[in-house]
Amino acid sequence: MAENQPMGFEAALEELERRVRRLEGGDVPLDEALALYEEGMQLARACQAQLEAAEARVASIHRGTRGIEDRPVDDVE
């Protein structure tokens, strides 16, 4: 993947999980732990932004189908 392209959700989540496992291992020097934590927070923000974009897209699609179903997405059982 090109460096200037954002990482996909699944890849970002996998990278985040990798950093969490490394930190949970407990054998990481402080400087490396801080770097892993900072990278993890950036990955978490990227994942959150992608989830919010997906939610907005679903809401937009739903608004386009109001003639079929007039319920908010939250009301779906």
PDB file of N, CA and C in Angstrom:
ATOM      1  N   MET A   1       0.857  -1.182   0.000  1.00  0.00           N
ATOM      2  CA  MET A   1       0.000   0.000   0.000  1.00  0.00           C
ATOM      3  C   MET A   1       0.895   1.236   0.000  1.00  0.00           C
ATOM      4  N   ALA A   2       0.521   2.254  -0.726  1.00  0.00           N
ATOM      5  CA  ALA A   2       1.307   3.482  -0.770  1.00  0.00           C
ATOM      6  C   ALA A   2       1.302   4.165   0.587  1.00  0.00           C
ATOM      7  N   GLU A   3       2.402   4.840   0.873  1.00  0.00           N
ATOM      8  CA  GLU A   3       2.539   5.473   2.189  1.00  0.00           C
ATOM      9  C   GLU A   3       1.511   6.555   2.454  1.00  0.00           C
ATOM     10  N   ASN A   4       1.075   7.277   1.423  1.00  0.00           N
ATOM     11  CA  ASN A   4       0.165   8.396   1.638  1.00  0.00           C
ATOM     12  C   ASN A   4      -1.306   7.983   1.630  1.00  0.00           C
ATOM     13  N   GLN A   5      -1.595   6.704   1.412  1.00  0.00           N
ATOM     14  CA  GLN A   5      -2.976   6.243   1.451  1.00  0.00           C
ATOM     15  C   GLN A   5      -3.309   5.781   2.866  1.00  0.00           C
ATOM     16  N   PRO A   6      -4.519   6.112   3.328  1.00  0.00           N
ATOM     17  CA  PRO A   6      -4.899   5.660   4.667  1.00  0.00           C
ATOM     18  C   PRO A   6      -5.017   4.137   4.721  1.00  0.00           C
ATOM     19  N   MET A   7      -4.729   3.603   5.876  1.00  0.00           N
ATOM     20  CA  MET A   7      -4.811   2.166   6.098  1.00  0.00           C
ATOM     21  C   MET A   7      -6.283   1.776   6.207  1.00  0.00           C
ATOM     22  N   GLY A   8      -6.637   0.637   5.661  1.00  0.00           N
ATOM     23  CA  GLY A   8      -8.002   0.149   5.772  1.00  0.00           C
ATOM     24  C   GLY A   8      -8.335  -0.200   7.214  1.00  0.00           C
ATOM     25  N   PHE A   9      -9.622  -0.292   7.517  1.00  0.00           N
ATOM     26  CA  PHE A   9     -10.068  -0.544   8.881  1.00  0.00           C
ATOM     27  C   PHE A   9      -9.485  -1.835   9.450  1.00  0.00           C
ATOM     28  N   GLU A  10      -9.599  -2.915   8.702  1.00  0.00           N
ATOM     29  CA  GLU A  10      -9.137  -4.208   9.201  1.00  0.00           C
ATOM     30  C   GLU A  10      -7.642  -4.208   9.464  1.00  0.00           C
ATOM     31  N   ALA A  11      -6.871  -3.608   8.544  1.00  0.00           N
ATOM     32  CA  ALA A  11      -5.417  -3.540   8.718  1.00  0.00           C
ATOM     33  C   ALA A  11      -5.053  -2.674   9.922  1.00  0.00           C
ATOM     34  N   ALA A  12      -5.747  -1.543  10.085  1.00  0.00           N
ATOM     35  CA  ALA A  12      -5.479  -0.658  11.226  1.00  0.00           C
ATOM     36  C   ALA A  12      -5.819  -1.356  12.537  1.00  0.00           C
ATOM     37  N   LEU A  13      -6.925  -2.080  12.562  1.00  0.00           N
ATOM     38  CA  LEU A  13      -7.325  -2.799  13.769  1.00  0.00           C
ATOM     39  C   LEU A  13      -6.311  -3.895  14.102  1.00  0.00           C
ATOM     40  N   GLU A  14      -5.834  -4.590  13.084  1.00  0.00           N
ATOM     41  CA  GLU A  14      -4.826  -5.630  13.299  1.00  0.00           C
ATOM     42  C   GLU A  14      -3.529  -5.023  13.864  1.00  0.00           C
ATOM     43  N   GLU A  15      -3.121  -3.892  13.321  1.00  0.00           N
ATOM     44  CA  GLU A  15      -1.919  -3.214  13.828  1.00  0.00           C
ATOM     45  C   GLU A  15      -2.118  -2.754  15.271  1.00  0.00           C
ATOM     46  N   LEU A  16      -3.309  -2.241  15.563  1.00  0.00           N
ATOM     47  CA  LEU A  16      -3.618  -1.812  16.925  1.00  0.00           C
ATOM     48  C   LEU A  16      -3.543  -3.002  17.880  1.00  0.00           C
ATOM     49  N   GLU A  17      -4.149  -4.106  17.491  1.00  0.00           N
ATOM     50  CA  GLU A  17      -4.127  -5.306  18.338  1.00  0.00           C
ATOM     51  C   GLU A  17      -2.696  -5.807  18.543  1.00  0.00           C
ATOM     52  N   ARG A  18      -1.864  -5.706  17.520  1.00  0.00           N
ATOM     53  CA  ARG A  18      -0.470  -6.133  17.634  1.00  0.00           C
ATOM     54  C   ARG A  18       0.258  -5.289  18.686  1.00  0.00           C
ATOM     55  N   ARG A  19       0.005  -3.992  18.678  1.00  0.00           N
ATOM     56  CA  ARG A  19       0.649  -3.104  19.655  1.00  0.00           C
ATOM     57  C   ARG A  19       0.138  -3.381  21.070  1.00  0.00           C
ATOM     58  N   VAL A  20      -1.142  -3.631  21.188  1.00  0.00           N
ATOM     59  CA  VAL A  20      -1.720  -3.926  22.501  1.00  0.00           C
ATOM     60  C   VAL A  20      -1.111  -5.205  23.067  1.00  0.00           C
ATOM     61  N   ARG A  21      -1.010  -6.243  22.238  1.00  0.00           N
ATOM     62  CA  ARG A  21      -0.404  -7.497  22.702  1.00  0.00           C
ATOM     63  C   ARG A  21       1.036  -7.269  23.153  1.00  0.00           C
ATOM     64  N   ARG A  22       1.755  -6.466  22.413  1.00  0.00           N
ATOM     65  CA  ARG A  22       3.158  -6.180  22.769  1.00  0.00           C
ATOM     66  C   ARG A  22       3.223  -5.458  24.113  1.00  0.00           C
ATOM     67  N   LEU A  23       2.338  -4.482  24.308  1.00  0.00           N
ATOM     68  CA  LEU A  23       2.322  -3.746  25.580  1.00  0.00           C
ATOM     69  C   LEU A  23       1.887  -4.649  26.728  1.00  0.00           C
ATOM     70  N   GLU A  24       0.914  -5.508  26.480  1.00  0.00           N
ATOM     71  CA  GLU A  24       0.432  -6.396  27.537  1.00  0.00           C
ATOM     72  C   GLU A  24       1.471  -7.439  27.936  1.00  0.00           C
ATOM     73  N   GLY A  25       2.424  -7.697  27.028  1.00  0.00           N
ATOM     74  CA  GLY A  25       3.488  -8.638  27.339  1.00  0.00           C
ATOM     75  C   GLY A  25       4.336  -8.183  28.509  1.00  0.00           C
ATOM     76  N   GLY A  26       4.432  -6.881  28.708  1.00  0.00           N
ATOM     77  CA  GLY A  26       5.108  -6.322  29.865  1.00  0.00           C
ATOM     78  C   GLY A  26       6.620  -6.266  29.785  1.00  0.00           C
ATOM     79  N   ASP A  27       7.224  -6.741  28.713  1.00  0.00           N
ATOM     80  CA  ASP A  27       8.679  -6.748  28.625  1.00  0.00           C
ATOM     81  C   ASP A  27       9.207  -5.692  27.647  1.00  0.00           C
ATOM     82  N   VAL A  28       8.510  -4.565  27.582  1.00  0.00           N
ATOM     83  CA  VAL A  28       8.863  -3.502  26.648  1.00  0.00           C
ATOM     84  C   VAL A  28       9.509  -2.359  27.431  1.00  0.00           C
ATOM     85  N   PRO A  29      10.667  -1.887  26.976  1.00  0.00           N
ATOM     86  CA  PRO A  29      11.286  -0.725  27.635  1.00  0.00           C
ATOM     87  C   PRO A  29      10.349   0.484  27.569  1.00  0.00           C
ATOM     88  N   LEU A  30      10.491   1.368  28.514  1.00  0.00           N
ATOM     89  CA  LEU A  30       9.592   2.509  28.646  1.00  0.00           C
ATOM     90  C   LEU A  30       9.484   3.330  27.362  1.00  0.00           C
ATOM     91  N   ASP A  31      10.600   3.680  26.757  1.00  0.00           N
ATOM     92  CA  ASP A  31      10.557   4.493  25.534  1.00  0.00           C
ATOM     93  C   ASP A  31       9.774   3.790  24.420  1.00  0.00           C
ATOM     94  N   GLU A  32      10.001   2.499  24.272  1.00  0.00           N
ATOM     95  CA  GLU A  32       9.282   1.740  23.252  1.00  0.00           C
ATOM     96  C   GLU A  32       7.801   1.634  23.620  1.00  0.00           C
ATOM     97  N   ALA A  33       7.502   1.454  24.890  1.00  0.00           N
ATOM     98  CA  ALA A  33       6.108   1.376  25.337  1.00  0.00           C
ATOM     99  C   ALA A  33       5.370   2.672  25.031  1.00  0.00           C
ATOM    100  N   LEU A  34       6.024   3.791  25.268  1.00  0.00           N
ATOM    101  CA  LEU A  34       5.401   5.083  24.958  1.00  0.00           C
ATOM    102  C   LEU A  34       5.147   5.229  23.466  1.00  0.00           C
ATOM    103  N   ALA A  35       6.117   4.814  22.656  1.00  0.00           N
ATOM    104  CA  ALA A  35       5.947   4.893  21.201  1.00  0.00           C
ATOM    105  C   ALA A  35       4.811   3.977  20.752  1.00  0.00           C
ATOM    106  N   LEU A  36       4.752   2.761  21.287  1.00  0.00           N
ATOM    107  CA  LEU A  36       3.675   1.838  20.942  1.00  0.00           C
ATOM    108  C   LEU A  36       2.317   2.399  21.348  1.00  0.00           C
ATOM    109  N   TYR A  37       2.265   3.012  22.528  1.00  0.00           N
ATOM    110  CA  TYR A  37       1.015   3.604  23.004  1.00  0.00           C
ATOM    111  C   TYR A  37       0.572   4.735  22.074  1.00  0.00           C
ATOM    112  N   GLU A  38       1.512   5.600  21.709  1.00  0.00           N
ATOM    113  CA  GLU A  38       1.184   6.719  20.821  1.00  0.00           C
ATOM    114  C   GLU A  38       0.695   6.213  19.462  1.00  0.00           C
ATOM    115  N   GLU A  39       1.391   5.228  18.899  1.00  0.00           N
ATOM    116  CA  GLU A  39       0.969   4.645  17.631  1.00  0.00           C
ATOM    117  C   GLU A  39      -0.403   3.995  17.767  1.00  0.00           C
ATOM    118  N   GLY A  40      -0.617   3.324  18.883  1.00  0.00           N
ATOM    119  CA  GLY A  40      -1.906   2.686  19.121  1.00  0.00           C
ATOM    120  C   GLY A  40      -3.042   3.691  19.182  1.00  0.00           C
ATOM    121  N   MET A  41      -2.788   4.815  19.822  1.00  0.00           N
ATOM    122  CA  MET A  41      -3.827   5.853  19.895  1.00  0.00           C
ATOM    123  C   MET A  41      -4.137   6.411  18.503  1.00  0.00           C
ATOM    124  N   GLN A  42      -3.117   6.586  17.683  1.00  0.00           N
ATOM    125  CA  GLN A  42      -3.342   7.061  16.312  1.00  0.00           C
ATOM    126  C   GLN A  42      -4.159   6.042  15.520  1.00  0.00           C
ATOM    127  N   LEU A  43      -3.827   4.776  15.685  1.00  0.00           N
ATOM    128  CA  LEU A  43      -4.580   3.722  15.004  1.00  0.00           C
ATOM    129  C   LEU A  43      -6.028   3.667  15.506  1.00  0.00           C
ATOM    130  N   ALA A  44      -6.210   3.815  16.812  1.00  0.00           N
ATOM    131  CA  ALA A  44      -7.567   3.805  17.382  1.00  0.00           C
ATOM    132  C   ALA A  44      -8.392   4.960  16.823  1.00  0.00           C
ATOM    133  N   ARG A  45      -7.770   6.138  16.706  1.00  0.00           N
ATOM    134  CA  ARG A  45      -8.482   7.292  16.132  1.00  0.00           C
ATOM    135  C   ARG A  45      -8.848   7.031  14.669  1.00  0.00           C
ATOM    136  N   ALA A  46      -7.922   6.425  13.928  1.00  0.00           N
ATOM    137  CA  ALA A  46      -8.193   6.111  12.523  1.00  0.00           C
ATOM    138  C   ALA A  46      -9.350   5.121  12.403  1.00  0.00           C
ATOM    139  N   CYS A  47      -9.360   4.108  13.264  1.00  0.00           N
ATOM    140  CA  CYS A  47     -10.460   3.138  13.261  1.00  0.00           C
ATOM    141  C   CYS A  47     -11.783   3.817  13.602  1.00  0.00           C
ATOM    142  N   GLN A  48     -11.767   4.667  14.608  1.00  0.00           N
ATOM    143  CA  GLN A  48     -12.979   5.370  15.018  1.00  0.00           C
ATOM    144  C   GLN A  48     -13.508   6.252  13.883  1.00  0.00           C
ATOM    145  N   ALA A  49     -12.615   6.948  13.195  1.00  0.00           N
ATOM    146  CA  ALA A  49     -13.031   7.807  12.085  1.00  0.00           C
ATOM    147  C   ALA A  49     -13.662   6.973  10.965  1.00  0.00           C
ATOM    148  N   GLN A  50     -13.083   5.814  10.694  1.00  0.00           N
ATOM    149  CA  GLN A  50     -13.642   4.959   9.647  1.00  0.00           C
ATOM    150  C   GLN A  50     -14.999   4.396  10.055  1.00  0.00           C
ATOM    151  N   LEU A  51     -15.155   4.053  11.321  1.00  0.00           N
ATOM    152  CA  LEU A  51     -16.458   3.573  11.794  1.00  0.00           C
ATOM    153  C   LEU A  51     -17.509   4.673  11.711  1.00  0.00           C
ATOM    154  N   GLU A  52     -17.128   5.899  12.071  1.00  0.00           N
ATOM    155  CA  GLU A  52     -18.068   7.021  11.988  1.00  0.00           C
ATOM    156  C   GLU A  52     -18.457   7.297  10.538  1.00  0.00           C
ATOM    157  N   ALA A  53     -17.496   7.178   9.619  1.00  0.00           N
ATOM    158  CA  ALA A  53     -17.799   7.382   8.201  1.00  0.00           C
ATOM    159  C   ALA A  53     -18.749   6.301   7.699  1.00  0.00           C
ATOM    160  N   ALA A  54     -18.535   5.067   8.132  1.00  0.00           N
ATOM    161  CA  ALA A  54     -19.424   3.975   7.726  1.00  0.00           C
ATOM    162  C   ALA A  54     -20.827   4.195   8.284  1.00  0.00           C
ATOM    163  N   GLU A  55     -20.901   4.635   9.534  1.00  0.00           N
ATOM    164  CA  GLU A  55     -22.202   4.906  10.142  1.00  0.00           C
ATOM    165  C   GLU A  55     -22.931   6.019   9.390  1.00  0.00           C
ATOM    166  N   ALA A  56     -22.200   7.061   9.010  1.00  0.00           N
ATOM    167  CA  ALA A  56     -22.807   8.158   8.257  1.00  0.00           C
ATOM    168  C   ALA A  56     -23.298   7.666   6.896  1.00  0.00           C
ATOM    169  N   ARG A  57     -22.528   6.793   6.287  1.00  0.00           N
ATOM    170  CA  ARG A  57     -22.934   6.251   4.985  1.00  0.00           C
ATOM    171  C   ARG A  57     -24.205   5.419   5.109  1.00  0.00           C
ATOM    172  N   VAL A  58     -24.276   4.588   6.143  1.00  0.00           N
ATOM    173  CA  VAL A  58     -25.476   3.778   6.369  1.00  0.00           C
ATOM    174  C   VAL A  58     -26.676   4.699   6.618  1.00  0.00           C
ATOM    175  N   ALA A  59     -26.474   5.747   7.412  1.00  0.00           N
ATOM    176  CA  ALA A  59     -27.564   6.683   7.682  1.00  0.00           C
ATOM    177  C   ALA A  59     -28.008   7.370   6.400  1.00  0.00           C
ATOM    178  N   SER A  60     -27.053   7.720   5.541  1.00  0.00           N
ATOM    179  CA  SER A  60     -27.381   8.358   4.277  1.00  0.00           C
ATOM    180  C   SER A  60     -28.176   7.421   3.380  1.00  0.00           C
ATOM    181  N   ILE A  61     -27.759   6.174   3.331  1.00  0.00           N
ATOM    182  CA  ILE A  61     -28.480   5.181   2.539  1.00  0.00           C
ATOM    183  C   ILE A  61     -29.891   5.016   3.098  1.00  0.00           C
ATOM    184  N   HIS A  62     -29.988   4.975   4.420  1.00  0.00           N
ATOM    185  CA  HIS A  62     -31.299   4.816   5.051  1.00  0.00           C
ATOM    186  C   HIS A  62     -32.215   5.998   4.728  1.00  0.00           C
ATOM    187  N   ARG A  63     -31.667   7.204   4.772  1.00  0.00           N
ATOM    188  CA  ARG A  63     -32.482   8.387   4.446  1.00  0.00           C
ATOM    189  C   ARG A  63     -33.014   8.286   3.025  1.00  0.00           C
ATOM    190  N   GLY A  64     -32.256   7.673   2.141  1.00  0.00           N
ATOM    191  CA  GLY A  64     -32.688   7.513   0.758  1.00  0.00           C
ATOM    192  C   GLY A  64     -33.775   6.475   0.597  1.00  0.00           C
ATOM    193  N   THR A  65     -34.015   5.670   1.615  1.00  0.00           N
ATOM    194  CA  THR A  65     -35.036   4.615   1.514  1.00  0.00           C
ATOM    195  C   THR A  65     -36.243   4.903   2.390  1.00  0.00           C
ATOM    196  N   ARG A  66     -36.405   6.120   2.842  1.00  0.00           N
ATOM    197  CA  ARG A  66     -37.499   6.437   3.763  1.00  0.00           C
ATOM    198  C   ARG A  66     -38.864   6.058   3.206  1.00  0.00           C
ATOM    199  N   GLY A  67     -39.013   6.054   1.900  1.00  0.00           N
ATOM    200  CA  GLY A  67     -40.294   5.646   1.319  1.00  0.00           C
ATOM    201  C   GLY A  67     -40.576   4.175   1.572  1.00  0.00           C
ATOM    202  N   ILE A  68     -39.534   3.394   1.783  1.00  0.00           N
ATOM    203  CA  ILE A  68     -39.692   1.962   2.023  1.00  0.00           C
ATOM    204  C   ILE A  68     -39.852   1.690   3.511  1.00  0.00           C
ATOM    205  N   GLU A  69     -39.021   2.334   4.299  1.00  0.00           N
ATOM    206  CA  GLU A  69     -38.999   2.068   5.740  1.00  0.00           C
ATOM    207  C   GLU A  69     -38.745   3.390   6.459  1.00  0.00           C
ATOM    208  N   ASP A  70     -39.687   3.832   7.256  1.00  0.00           N
ATOM    209  CA  ASP A  70     -39.560   5.123   7.916  1.00  0.00           C
ATOM    210  C   ASP A  70     -39.207   4.952   9.390  1.00  0.00           C
ATOM    211  N   ARG A  71     -38.122   4.220   9.671  1.00  0.00           N
ATOM    212  CA  ARG A  71     -37.634   4.053  11.034  1.00  0.00           C
ATOM    213  C   ARG A  71     -36.163   4.424  11.068  1.00  0.00           C
ATOM    214  N   PRO A  72     -35.718   5.061  12.125  1.00  0.00           N
ATOM    215  CA  PRO A  72     -34.282   5.318  12.259  1.00  0.00           C
ATOM    216  C   PRO A  72     -33.527   3.998  12.336  1.00  0.00           C
ATOM    217  N   VAL A  73     -32.259   4.014  11.948  1.00  0.00           N
ATOM    218  CA  VAL A  73     -31.433   2.805  11.970  1.00  0.00           C
ATOM    219  C   VAL A  73     -31.377   2.219  13.378  1.00  0.00           C
ATOM    220  N   ASP A  74     -31.378   3.067  14.406  1.00  0.00           N
ATOM    221  CA  ASP A  74     -31.312   2.599  15.796  1.00  0.00           C
ATOM    222  C   ASP A  74     -32.519   1.757  16.197  1.00  0.00           C
ATOM    223  N   ASP A  75     -33.656   1.910  15.485  1.00  0.00           N
ATOM    224  CA  ASP A  75     -34.874   1.187  15.840  1.00  0.00           C
ATOM    225  C   ASP A  75     -34.935  -0.198  15.225  1.00  0.00           C
ATOM    226  N   VAL A  76     -33.991  -0.566  14.384  1.00  0.00           N
ATOM    227  CA  VAL A  76     -34.011  -1.857  13.740  1.00  0.00           C
ATOM    228  C   VAL A  76     -33.746  -2.930  14.786  1.00  0.00           C
ATOM    229  N   GLU A  77     -34.533  -3.970  14.773  1.00  0.00           N
ATOM    230  CA  GLU A  77     -34.401  -5.041  15.767  1.00  0.00           C
ATOM    231  C   GLU A  77     -33.464  -6.111  15.321  1.00  0.00           C
TER     232      GLU A  77
END
